[in-house]
PDB file of all heavy atoms in Angstrom:
ATOM      1  N   PHE A   1      98.643 111.000 103.662  1.00  0.00           N
ATOM      2  CA  PHE A   1      99.196 111.187 105.003  1.00  0.00           C
ATOM      3  C   PHE A   1     100.166 112.331 105.016  1.00  0.00           C
ATOM      4  O   PHE A   1     100.631 112.792 103.958  1.00  0.00           O
ATOM      5  CB  PHE A   1      99.865 109.895 105.509  1.00  0.00           C
ATOM      6  CG  PHE A   1     101.049 109.436 104.697  1.00  0.00           C
ATOM      7  CD1 PHE A   1     102.345 109.771 105.096  1.00  0.00           C
ATOM      8  CD2 PHE A   1     100.880 108.668 103.552  1.00  0.00           C
ATOM      9  CE1 PHE A   1     103.457 109.344 104.342  1.00  0.00           C
ATOM     10  CE2 PHE A   1     101.987 108.250 102.810  1.00  0.00           C
ATOM     11  CZ  PHE A   1     103.267 108.587 103.207  1.00  0.00           C
ATOM     12  N   THR A   2     100.466 112.841 106.212  1.00  0.00           N
ATOM     13  CA  THR A   2     101.413 113.953 106.392  1.00  0.00           C
ATOM     14  C   THR A   2     102.575 113.419 107.200  1.00  0.00           C
ATOM     15  O   THR A   2     102.397 112.722 108.187  1.00  0.00           O
ATOM     16  CB  THR A   2     100.757 115.128 107.108  1.00  0.00           C
ATOM     17  OG1 THR A   2      99.630 115.555 106.330  1.00  0.00           O
ATOM     18  CG2 THR A   2     101.712 116.302 107.264  1.00  0.00           C
ATOM     19  N   TYR A   3     103.804 113.750 106.764  1.00  0.00           N
ATOM     20  CA  TYR A   3     105.004 113.340 107.476  1.00  0.00           C
ATOM     21  C   TYR A   3     106.005 114.495 107.399  1.00  0.00           C
ATOM     22  O   TYR A   3     106.321 114.953 106.295  1.00  0.00           O
ATOM     23  CB  TYR A   3     105.583 112.070 106.846  1.00  0.00           C
ATOM     24  CG  TYR A   3     106.829 111.536 107.513  1.00  0.00           C
ATOM     25  CD1 TYR A   3     106.725 110.841 108.723  1.00  0.00           C
ATOM     26  CD2 TYR A   3     108.072 111.725 106.959  1.00  0.00           C
ATOM     27  CE1 TYR A   3     107.860 110.366 109.367  1.00  0.00           C
ATOM     28  CE2 TYR A   3     109.221 111.253 107.589  1.00  0.00           C
ATOM     29  CZ  TYR A   3     109.111 110.555 108.772  1.00  0.00           C
ATOM     30  OH  TYR A   3     110.222 110.069 109.403  1.00  0.00           O
ATOM     31  N   LYS A   4     106.477 114.970 108.524  1.00  0.00           N
ATOM     32  CA  LYS A   4     107.421 116.098 108.599  1.00  0.00           C
ATOM     33  C   LYS A   4     106.979 117.280 107.737  1.00  0.00           C
ATOM     34  O   LYS A   4     107.724 117.757 106.889  1.00  0.00           O
ATOM     35  CB  LYS A   4     108.836 115.643 108.211  1.00  0.00           C
ATOM     36  CG  LYS A   4     109.442 114.692 109.229  1.00  0.00           C
ATOM     37  CD  LYS A   4     110.908 114.453 108.954  1.00  0.00           C
ATOM     38  CE  LYS A   4     111.493 113.544 110.003  1.00  0.00           C
ATOM     39  NZ  LYS A   4     112.887 113.245 109.782  1.00  0.00           N
ATOM     40  N   ASN A   5     105.772 117.746 107.954  1.00  0.00           N
ATOM     41  CA  ASN A   5     105.194 118.920 107.277  1.00  0.00           C
ATOM     42  C   ASN A   5     104.897 118.753 105.795  1.00  0.00           C
ATOM     43  O   ASN A   5     104.491 119.704 105.146  1.00  0.00           O
ATOM     44  CB  ASN A   5     106.040 120.185 107.490  1.00  0.00           C
ATOM     45  CG  ASN A   5     106.094 120.572 108.941  1.00  0.00           C
ATOM     46  OD1 ASN A   5     105.092 120.477 109.646  1.00  0.00           O
ATOM     47  ND2 ASN A   5     107.244 120.989 109.403  1.00  0.00           N
ATOM     48  N   LEU A   6     105.143 117.572 105.203  1.00  0.00           N
ATOM     49  CA  LEU A   6     104.833 117.375 103.797  1.00  0.00           C
ATOM     50  C   LEU A   6     103.653 116.409 103.692  1.00  0.00           C
ATOM     51  O   LEU A   6     103.545 115.454 104.456  1.00  0.00           O
ATOM     52  CB  LEU A   6     106.037 116.816 103.035  1.00  0.00           C
ATOM     53  CG  LEU A   6     107.212 117.775 102.843  1.00  0.00           C
ATOM     54  CD1 LEU A   6     108.364 117.084 102.129  1.00  0.00           C
ATOM     55  CD2 LEU A   6     106.802 119.024 102.083  1.00  0.00           C
ATOM     56  N   LYS A   7     102.790 116.682 102.731  1.00  0.00           N
ATOM     57  CA  LYS A   7     101.605 115.829 102.521  1.00  0.00           C
ATOM     58  C   LYS A   7     101.908 114.870 101.356  1.00  0.00           C
ATOM     59  O   LYS A   7     102.473 115.271 100.339  1.00  0.00           O
ATOM     60  CB  LYS A   7     100.402 116.685 102.159  1.00  0.00           C
ATOM     61  CG  LYS A   7      99.965 117.601 103.271  1.00  0.00           C
ATOM     62  CD  LYS A   7      98.815 118.486 102.813  1.00  0.00           C
ATOM     63  CE  LYS A   7      98.430 119.475 103.917  1.00  0.00           C
ATOM     64  NZ  LYS A   7      97.362 120.386 103.441  1.00  0.00           N
ATOM     65  N   TYR A   8     101.513 113.626 101.543  1.00  0.00           N
ATOM     66  CA  TYR A   8     101.787 112.579 100.553  1.00  0.00           C
ATOM     67  C   TYR A   8     100.519 111.838 100.158  1.00  0.00           C
ATOM     68  O   TYR A   8      99.581 111.739 100.944  1.00  0.00           O
ATOM     69  CB  TYR A   8     102.773 111.551 101.128  1.00  0.00           C
ATOM     70  CG  TYR A   8     104.118 112.108 101.455  1.00  0.00           C
ATOM     71  CD1 TYR A   8     104.407 112.559 102.743  1.00  0.00           C
ATOM     72  CD2 TYR A   8     105.118 112.213 100.484  1.00  0.00           C
ATOM     73  CE1 TYR A   8     105.650 113.078 103.053  1.00  0.00           C
ATOM     74  CE2 TYR A   8     106.367 112.727 100.803  1.00  0.00           C
ATOM     75  CZ  TYR A   8     106.623 113.156 102.098  1.00  0.00           C
ATOM     76  OH  TYR A   8     107.844 113.683 102.395  1.00  0.00           O
ATOM     77  N   LYS A   9     100.562 111.272  98.970  1.00  0.00           N
ATOM     78  CA  LYS A   9      99.484 110.407  98.489  1.00  0.00           C
ATOM     79  C   LYS A   9     100.143 109.114  97.998  1.00  0.00           C
ATOM     80  O   LYS A   9     101.089 109.158  97.211  1.00  0.00           O
ATOM     81  CB  LYS A   9      98.737 111.095  97.337  1.00  0.00           C
ATOM     82  CG  LYS A   9      97.611 110.265  96.793  1.00  0.00           C
ATOM     83  CD  LYS A   9      96.927 111.000  95.661  1.00  0.00           C
ATOM     84  CE  LYS A   9      95.785 110.143  95.112  1.00  0.00           C
ATOM     85  NZ  LYS A   9      95.242 110.712  93.896  1.00  0.00           N
ATOM     86  N   VAL A  10      99.626 107.989  98.463  1.00  0.00           N
ATOM     87  CA  VAL A  10     100.156 106.688  98.009  1.00  0.00           C
ATOM     88  C   VAL A  10      99.732 106.494  96.564  1.00  0.00           C
ATOM     89  O   VAL A  10      98.557 106.565  96.230  1.00  0.00           O
ATOM     90  CB  VAL A  10      99.648 105.532  98.901  1.00  0.00           C
ATOM     91  CG1 VAL A  10     100.120 104.193  98.361  1.00  0.00           C
ATOM     92  CG2 VAL A  10     100.065 105.716 100.343  1.00  0.00           C
ATOM     93  N   THR A  11     100.706 106.278  95.665  1.00  0.00           N
ATOM     94  CA  THR A  11     100.387 106.085  94.258  1.00  0.00           C
ATOM     95  C   THR A  11     100.549 104.622  93.832  1.00  0.00           C
ATOM     96  O   THR A  11      99.935 104.183  92.872  1.00  0.00           O
ATOM     97  CB  THR A  11     101.291 106.974  93.357  1.00  0.00           C
ATOM     98  OG1 THR A  11     102.660 106.738  93.698  1.00  0.00           O
ATOM     99  CG2 THR A  11     100.959 108.442  93.550  1.00  0.00           C
ATOM    100  N   LYS A  12     101.410 103.885  94.540  1.00  0.00           N
ATOM    101  CA  LYS A  12     101.602 102.473  94.227  1.00  0.00           C
ATOM    102  C   LYS A  12     102.012 101.748  95.501  1.00  0.00           C
ATOM    103  O   LYS A  12     102.887 102.189  96.216  1.00  0.00           O
ATOM    104  CB  LYS A  12     102.675 102.325  93.144  1.00  0.00           C
ATOM    105  CG  LYS A  12     102.753 100.943  92.552  1.00  0.00           C
ATOM    106  CD  LYS A  12     103.655 100.948  91.340  1.00  0.00           C
ATOM    107  CE  LYS A  12     103.528  99.649  90.587  1.00  0.00           C
ATOM    108  NZ  LYS A  12     104.336  99.636  89.392  1.00  0.00           N
ATOM    109  N   CYS A  13     101.371 100.604  95.754  1.00  0.00           N
ATOM    110  CA  CYS A  13     101.728  99.829  96.937  1.00  0.00           C
ATOM    111  C   CYS A  13     101.584  98.338  96.640  1.00  0.00           C
ATOM    112  O   CYS A  13     100.486  97.785  96.745  1.00  0.00           O
ATOM    113  CB  CYS A  13     100.877 100.258  98.143  1.00  0.00           C
ATOM    114  SG  CYS A  13     101.443  99.505  99.677  1.00  0.00           S
ATOM    115  N   THR A  14     102.671  97.728  96.210  1.00  0.00           N
ATOM    116  CA  THR A  14     102.708  96.300  95.988  1.00  0.00           C
ATOM    117  C   THR A  14     103.792  95.727  96.881  1.00  0.00           C
ATOM    118  O   THR A  14     104.525  96.473  97.555  1.00  0.00           O
ATOM    119  CB  THR A  14     103.017  95.943  94.517  1.00  0.00           C
ATOM    120  OG1 THR A  14     104.357  96.357  94.223  1.00  0.00           O
ATOM    121  CG2 THR A  14     102.046  96.604  93.543  1.00  0.00           C
ATOM    122  N   ALA A  15     103.949  94.413  96.861  1.00  0.00           N
ATOM    123  CA  ALA A  15     104.977  93.774  97.699  1.00  0.00           C
ATOM    124  C   ALA A  15     106.369  94.254  97.318  1.00  0.00           C
ATOM    125  O   ALA A  15     107.240  94.413  98.157  1.00  0.00           O
ATOM    126  CB  ALA A  15     104.888  92.258  97.564  1.00  0.00           C
ATOM    127  N   SER A  16     106.589  94.535  96.012  1.00  0.00           N
ATOM    128  CA  SER A  16     107.920  94.927  95.570  1.00  0.00           C
ATOM    129  C   SER A  16     108.084  96.438  95.308  1.00  0.00           C
ATOM    130  O   SER A  16     109.193  96.949  95.301  1.00  0.00           O
ATOM    131  CB  SER A  16     108.295  94.171  94.300  1.00  0.00           C
ATOM    132  OG  SER A  16     107.363  94.464  93.279  1.00  0.00           O
ATOM    133  N   THR A  17     106.995  97.168  95.114  1.00  0.00           N
ATOM    134  CA  THR A  17     107.096  98.600  94.790  1.00  0.00           C
ATOM    135  C   THR A  17     106.150  99.403  95.668  1.00  0.00           C
ATOM    136  O   THR A  17     104.947  99.149  95.689  1.00  0.00           O
ATOM    137  CB  THR A  17     106.729  98.837  93.299  1.00  0.00           C
ATOM    138  OG1 THR A  17     107.481  97.957  92.485  1.00  0.00           O
ATOM    139  CG2 THR A  17     107.022 100.267  92.897  1.00  0.00           C
ATOM    140  N   LYS A  18     106.718 100.388  96.331  1.00  0.00           N
ATOM    141  CA  LYS A  18     105.916 101.298  97.158  1.00  0.00           C
ATOM    142  C   LYS A  18     106.302 102.715  96.812  1.00  0.00           C
ATOM    143  O   LYS A  18     107.445 103.114  96.977  1.00  0.00           O
ATOM    144  CB  LYS A  18     106.157 100.996  98.635  1.00  0.00           C
ATOM    145  CG  LYS A  18     105.612  99.646  99.073  1.00  0.00           C
ATOM    146  CD  LYS A  18     106.150  99.255 100.432  1.00  0.00           C
ATOM    147  CE  LYS A  18     105.823  97.821 100.768  1.00  0.00           C
ATOM    148  NZ  LYS A  18     106.415  96.854  99.864  1.00  0.00           N
ATOM    149  N   GLU A  19     105.343 103.483  96.276  1.00  0.00           N
ATOM    150  CA  GLU A  19     105.630 104.847  95.812  1.00  0.00           C
ATOM    151  C   GLU A  19     104.583 105.823  96.293  1.00  0.00           C
ATOM    152  O   GLU A  19     103.408 105.485  96.446  1.00  0.00           O
ATOM    153  CB  GLU A  19     105.685 104.894  94.277  1.00  0.00           C
ATOM    154  CG  GLU A  19     106.777 104.042  93.684  1.00  0.00           C
ATOM    155  CD  GLU A  19     106.787 104.026  92.164  1.00  0.00           C
ATOM    156  OE1 GLU A  19     105.816 104.522  91.524  1.00  0.00           O
ATOM    157  OE2 GLU A  19     107.765 103.527  91.612  1.00  0.00           O
ATOM    158  N   VAL A  20     105.050 107.074  96.515  1.00  0.00           N
ATOM    159  CA  VAL A  20     104.158 108.169  96.889  1.00  0.00           C
ATOM    160  C   VAL A  20     104.436 109.399  96.070  1.00  0.00           C
ATOM    161  O   VAL A  20     105.531 109.541  95.496  1.00  0.00           O
ATOM    162  CB  VAL A  20     104.263 108.537  98.401  1.00  0.00           C
ATOM    163  CG1 VAL A  20     103.745 107.417  99.299  1.00  0.00           C
ATOM    164  CG2 VAL A  20     105.653 108.928  98.785  1.00  0.00           C
ATOM    165  N   SER A  21     103.449 110.298  96.064  1.00  0.00           N
ATOM    166  CA  SER A  21     103.579 111.592  95.422  1.00  0.00           C
ATOM    167  C   SER A  21     103.464 112.655  96.521  1.00  0.00           C
ATOM    168  O   SER A  21     102.653 112.501  97.421  1.00  0.00           O
ATOM    169  CB  SER A  21     102.417 111.758  94.422  1.00  0.00           C
ATOM    170  OG  SER A  21     102.390 113.068  93.897  1.00  0.00           O
ATOM    171  N   VAL A  22     104.289 113.701  96.447  1.00  0.00           N
ATOM    172  CA  VAL A  22     104.176 114.828  97.377  1.00  0.00           C
ATOM    173  C   VAL A  22     103.060 115.704  96.828  1.00  0.00           C
ATOM    174  O   VAL A  22     103.106 116.102  95.666  1.00  0.00           O
ATOM    175  CB  VAL A  22     105.481 115.648  97.455  1.00  0.00           C
ATOM    176  CG1 VAL A  22     105.355 116.755  98.485  1.00  0.00           C
ATOM    177  CG2 VAL A  22     106.672 114.803  97.788  1.00  0.00           C
ATOM    178  N   THR A  23     102.076 116.015  97.663  1.00  0.00           N
ATOM    179  CA  THR A  23     100.945 116.811  97.197  1.00  0.00           C
ATOM    180  C   THR A  23     100.881 118.211  97.767  1.00  0.00           C
ATOM    181  O   THR A  23     100.066 119.009  97.350  1.00  0.00           O
ATOM    182  CB  THR A  23      99.606 116.088  97.510  1.00  0.00           C
ATOM    183  OG1 THR A  23      99.521 115.894  98.923  1.00  0.00           O
ATOM    184  CG2 THR A  23      99.525 114.734  96.798  1.00  0.00           C
ATOM    185  N   GLY A  24     101.743 118.493  98.735  1.00  0.00           N
ATOM    186  CA  GLY A  24     101.752 119.823  99.332  1.00  0.00           C
ATOM    187  C   GLY A  24     102.452 119.838 100.681  1.00  0.00           C
ATOM    188  O   GLY A  24     103.167 118.902 101.025  1.00  0.00           O
ATOM    189  N   THR A  25     102.218 120.914 101.433  1.00  0.00           N
ATOM    190  CA  THR A  25     102.829 121.051 102.746  1.00  0.00           C
ATOM    191  C   THR A  25     101.805 121.590 103.733  1.00  0.00           C
ATOM    192  O   THR A  25     100.878 122.293 103.342  1.00  0.00           O
ATOM    193  CB  THR A  25     104.066 121.963 102.691  1.00  0.00           C
ATOM    194  OG1 THR A  25     104.624 122.057 104.016  1.00  0.00           O
ATOM    195  CG2 THR A  25     103.740 123.349 102.184  1.00  0.00           C
ATOM    196  N   SER A  26     102.007 121.240 104.984  1.00  0.00           N
ATOM    197  CA  SER A  26     101.118 121.779 106.018  1.00  0.00           C
ATOM    198  C   SER A  26     101.711 123.074 106.576  1.00  0.00           C
ATOM    199  O   SER A  26     101.103 123.750 107.399  1.00  0.00           O
ATOM    200  CB  SER A  26     100.959 120.753 107.151  1.00  0.00           C
ATOM    201  OG  SER A  26     102.214 120.407 107.684  1.00  0.00           O
ATOM    202  N   LYS A  27     102.876 123.442 106.089  1.00  0.00           N
ATOM    203  CA  LYS A  27     103.585 124.645 106.557  1.00  0.00           C
ATOM    204  C   LYS A  27     103.716 125.624 105.387  1.00  0.00           C
ATOM    205  O   LYS A  27     104.759 125.689 104.736  1.00  0.00           O
ATOM    206  CB  LYS A  27     104.955 124.205 107.095  1.00  0.00           C
ATOM    207  CG  LYS A  27     105.544 125.140 108.098  1.00  0.00           C
ATOM    208  CD  LYS A  27     106.831 124.562 108.668  1.00  0.00           C
ATOM    209  CE  LYS A  27     107.550 125.595 109.475  1.00  0.00           C
ATOM    210  NZ  LYS A  27     108.885 125.154 109.841  1.00  0.00           N
ATOM    211  N   LYS A  28     102.651 126.360 105.118  1.00  0.00           N
ATOM    212  CA  LYS A  28     102.590 127.247 103.936  1.00  0.00           C
ATOM    213  C   LYS A  28     103.619 128.391 103.964  1.00  0.00           C
ATOM    214  O   LYS A  28     103.951 128.933 102.943  1.00  0.00           O
ATOM    215  CB  LYS A  28     101.194 127.839 103.785  1.00  0.00           C
ATOM    216  CG  LYS A  28     100.153 126.831 103.364  1.00  0.00           C
ATOM    217  CD  LYS A  28     100.329 126.480 101.908  1.00  0.00           C
ATOM    218  CE  LYS A  28      99.252 125.528 101.452  1.00  0.00           C
ATOM    219  NZ  LYS A  28      99.631 124.745 100.301  1.00  0.00           N
ATOM    220  N   LYS A  29     104.122 128.746 105.141  1.00  0.00           N
ATOM    221  CA  LYS A  29     105.072 129.852 105.234  1.00  0.00           C
ATOM    222  C   LYS A  29     106.523 129.367 105.336  1.00  0.00           C
ATOM    223  O   LYS A  29     107.401 130.124 105.707  1.00  0.00           O
ATOM    224  CB  LYS A  29     104.714 130.757 106.422  1.00  0.00           C
ATOM    225  CG  LYS A  29     103.358 131.424 106.253  1.00  0.00           C
ATOM    226  CD  LYS A  29     103.206 132.637 107.130  1.00  0.00           C
ATOM    227  CE  LYS A  29     101.840 133.255 107.065  1.00  0.00           C
ATOM    228  NZ  LYS A  29     101.406 133.810 105.819  1.00  0.00           N
ATOM    229  N   ALA A  30     106.779 128.139 104.973  1.00  0.00           N
ATOM    230  CA  ALA A  30     108.124 127.564 105.009  1.00  0.00           C
ATOM    231  C   ALA A  30     109.056 128.336 104.070  1.00  0.00           C
ATOM    232  O   ALA A  30     108.651 128.808 103.008  1.00  0.00           O
ATOM    233  CB  ALA A  30     108.107 126.105 104.620  1.00  0.00           C
ATOM    234  N   THR A  31     110.320 128.490 104.481  1.00  0.00           N
ATOM    235  CA  THR A  31     111.300 129.171 103.635  1.00  0.00           C
ATOM    236  C   THR A  31     112.169 128.183 102.871  1.00  0.00           C
ATOM    237  O   THR A  31     112.819 128.541 101.903  1.00  0.00           O
ATOM    238  CB  THR A  31     112.224 130.102 104.487  1.00  0.00           C
ATOM    239  OG1 THR A  31     112.843 129.315 105.482  1.00  0.00           O
ATOM    240  CG2 THR A  31     111.436 131.240 105.095  1.00  0.00           C
ATOM    241  N   SER A  32     112.160 126.918 103.318  1.00  0.00           N
ATOM    242  CA  SER A  32     112.896 125.884 102.565  1.00  0.00           C
ATOM    243  C   SER A  32     112.130 124.578 102.608  1.00  0.00           C
ATOM    244  O   SER A  32     111.387 124.310 103.538  1.00  0.00           O
ATOM    245  CB  SER A  32     114.304 125.703 103.128  1.00  0.00           C
ATOM    246  OG  SER A  32     114.231 125.153 104.441  1.00  0.00           O
ATOM    247  N   LEU A  33     112.317 123.785 101.554  1.00  0.00           N
ATOM    248  CA  LEU A  33     111.669 122.495 101.441  1.00  0.00           C
ATOM    249  C   LEU A  33     112.720 121.439 101.159  1.00  0.00           C
ATOM    250  O   LEU A  33     113.635 121.672 100.374  1.00  0.00           O
ATOM    251  CB  LEU A  33     110.698 122.463 100.264  1.00  0.00           C
ATOM    252  CG  LEU A  33     109.336 123.063 100.392  1.00  0.00           C
ATOM    253  CD1 LEU A  33     108.625 122.998  99.054  1.00  0.00           C
ATOM    254  CD2 LEU A  33     108.522 122.354 101.446  1.00  0.00           C
ATOM    255  N   ASN A  34     112.577 120.274 101.788  1.00  0.00           N
ATOM    256  CA  ASN A  34     113.455 119.156 101.487  1.00  0.00           C
ATOM    257  C   ASN A  34     112.568 117.969 101.178  1.00  0.00           C
ATOM    258  O   ASN A  34     111.969 117.376 102.060  1.00  0.00           O
ATOM    259  CB  ASN A  34     114.387 118.865 102.664  1.00  0.00           C
ATOM    260  CG  ASN A  34     115.393 117.796 102.332  1.00  0.00           C
ATOM    261  OD1 ASN A  34     115.595 117.441 101.176  1.00  0.00           O
ATOM    262  ND2 ASN A  34     116.024 117.254 103.337  1.00  0.00           N
ATOM    263  N   ILE A  35     112.459 117.656  99.894  1.00  0.00           N
ATOM    264  CA  ILE A  35     111.659 116.527  99.480  1.00  0.00           C
ATOM    265  C   ILE A  35     112.562 115.287  99.546  1.00  0.00           C
ATOM    266  O   ILE A  35     113.538 115.191  98.810  1.00  0.00           O
ATOM    267  CB  ILE A  35     111.084 116.755  98.072  1.00  0.00           C
ATOM    268  CG1 ILE A  35     110.135 117.949  98.141  1.00  0.00           C
ATOM    269  CG2 ILE A  35     110.357 115.510  97.583  1.00  0.00           C
ATOM    270  CD1 ILE A  35     110.131 118.805  96.939  1.00  0.00           C
ATOM    271  N   PRO A  36     112.265 114.364 100.468  1.00  0.00           N
ATOM    272  CA  PRO A  36     113.174 113.234 100.678  1.00  0.00           C
ATOM    273  C   PRO A  36     113.114 112.190  99.552  1.00  0.00           C
ATOM    274  O   PRO A  36     112.204 112.210  98.720  1.00  0.00           O
ATOM    275  CB  PRO A  36     112.656 112.629 101.988  1.00  0.00           C
ATOM    276  CG  PRO A  36     111.210 112.961 101.999  1.00  0.00           C
ATOM    277  CD  PRO A  36     111.072 114.285 101.308  1.00  0.00           C
ATOM    278  N   ALA A  37     114.097 111.273  99.558  1.00  0.00           N
ATOM    279  CA  ALA A  37     114.121 110.180  98.591  1.00  0.00           C
ATOM    280  C   ALA A  37     113.087 109.138  98.976  1.00  0.00           C
ATOM    281  O   ALA A  37     112.405 108.560  98.120  1.00  0.00           O
ATOM    282  CB  ALA A  37     115.497 109.552  98.542  1.00  0.00           C
ATOM    283  N   THR A  38     112.924 108.915 100.298  1.00  0.00           N
ATOM    284  CA  THR A  38     111.966 107.939 100.804  1.00  0.00           C
ATOM    285  C   THR A  38     111.268 108.504 102.020  1.00  0.00           C
ATOM    286  O   THR A  38     111.750 109.432 102.669  1.00  0.00           O
ATOM    287  CB  THR A  38     112.650 106.622 101.198  1.00  0.00           C
ATOM    288  OG1 THR A  38     113.622 106.877 102.213  1.00  0.00           O
ATOM    289  CG2 THR A  38     113.306 105.941 100.004  1.00  0.00           C
ATOM    290  N   VAL A  39     110.113 107.903 102.339  1.00  0.00           N
ATOM    291  CA  VAL A  39     109.343 108.298 103.516  1.00  0.00           C
ATOM    292  C   VAL A  39     108.713 107.034 104.099  1.00  0.00           C
ATOM    293  O   VAL A  39     108.351 106.118 103.369  1.00  0.00           O
ATOM    294  CB  VAL A  39     108.295 109.364 103.141  1.00  0.00           C
ATOM    295  CG1 VAL A  39     107.243 108.847 102.193  1.00  0.00           C
ATOM    296  CG2 VAL A  39     107.660 109.987 104.344  1.00  0.00           C
TER     297      VAL A  39
END
């Protein structure tokens, strides 16, 4: 999925642990990136 111009892939989804990996951006000409702690 994409959220705030960043593309993510769900890597783990259990009742207690939910994790994603950032796989890229939809904004290739961005001058700054902020990879959040959570999404």
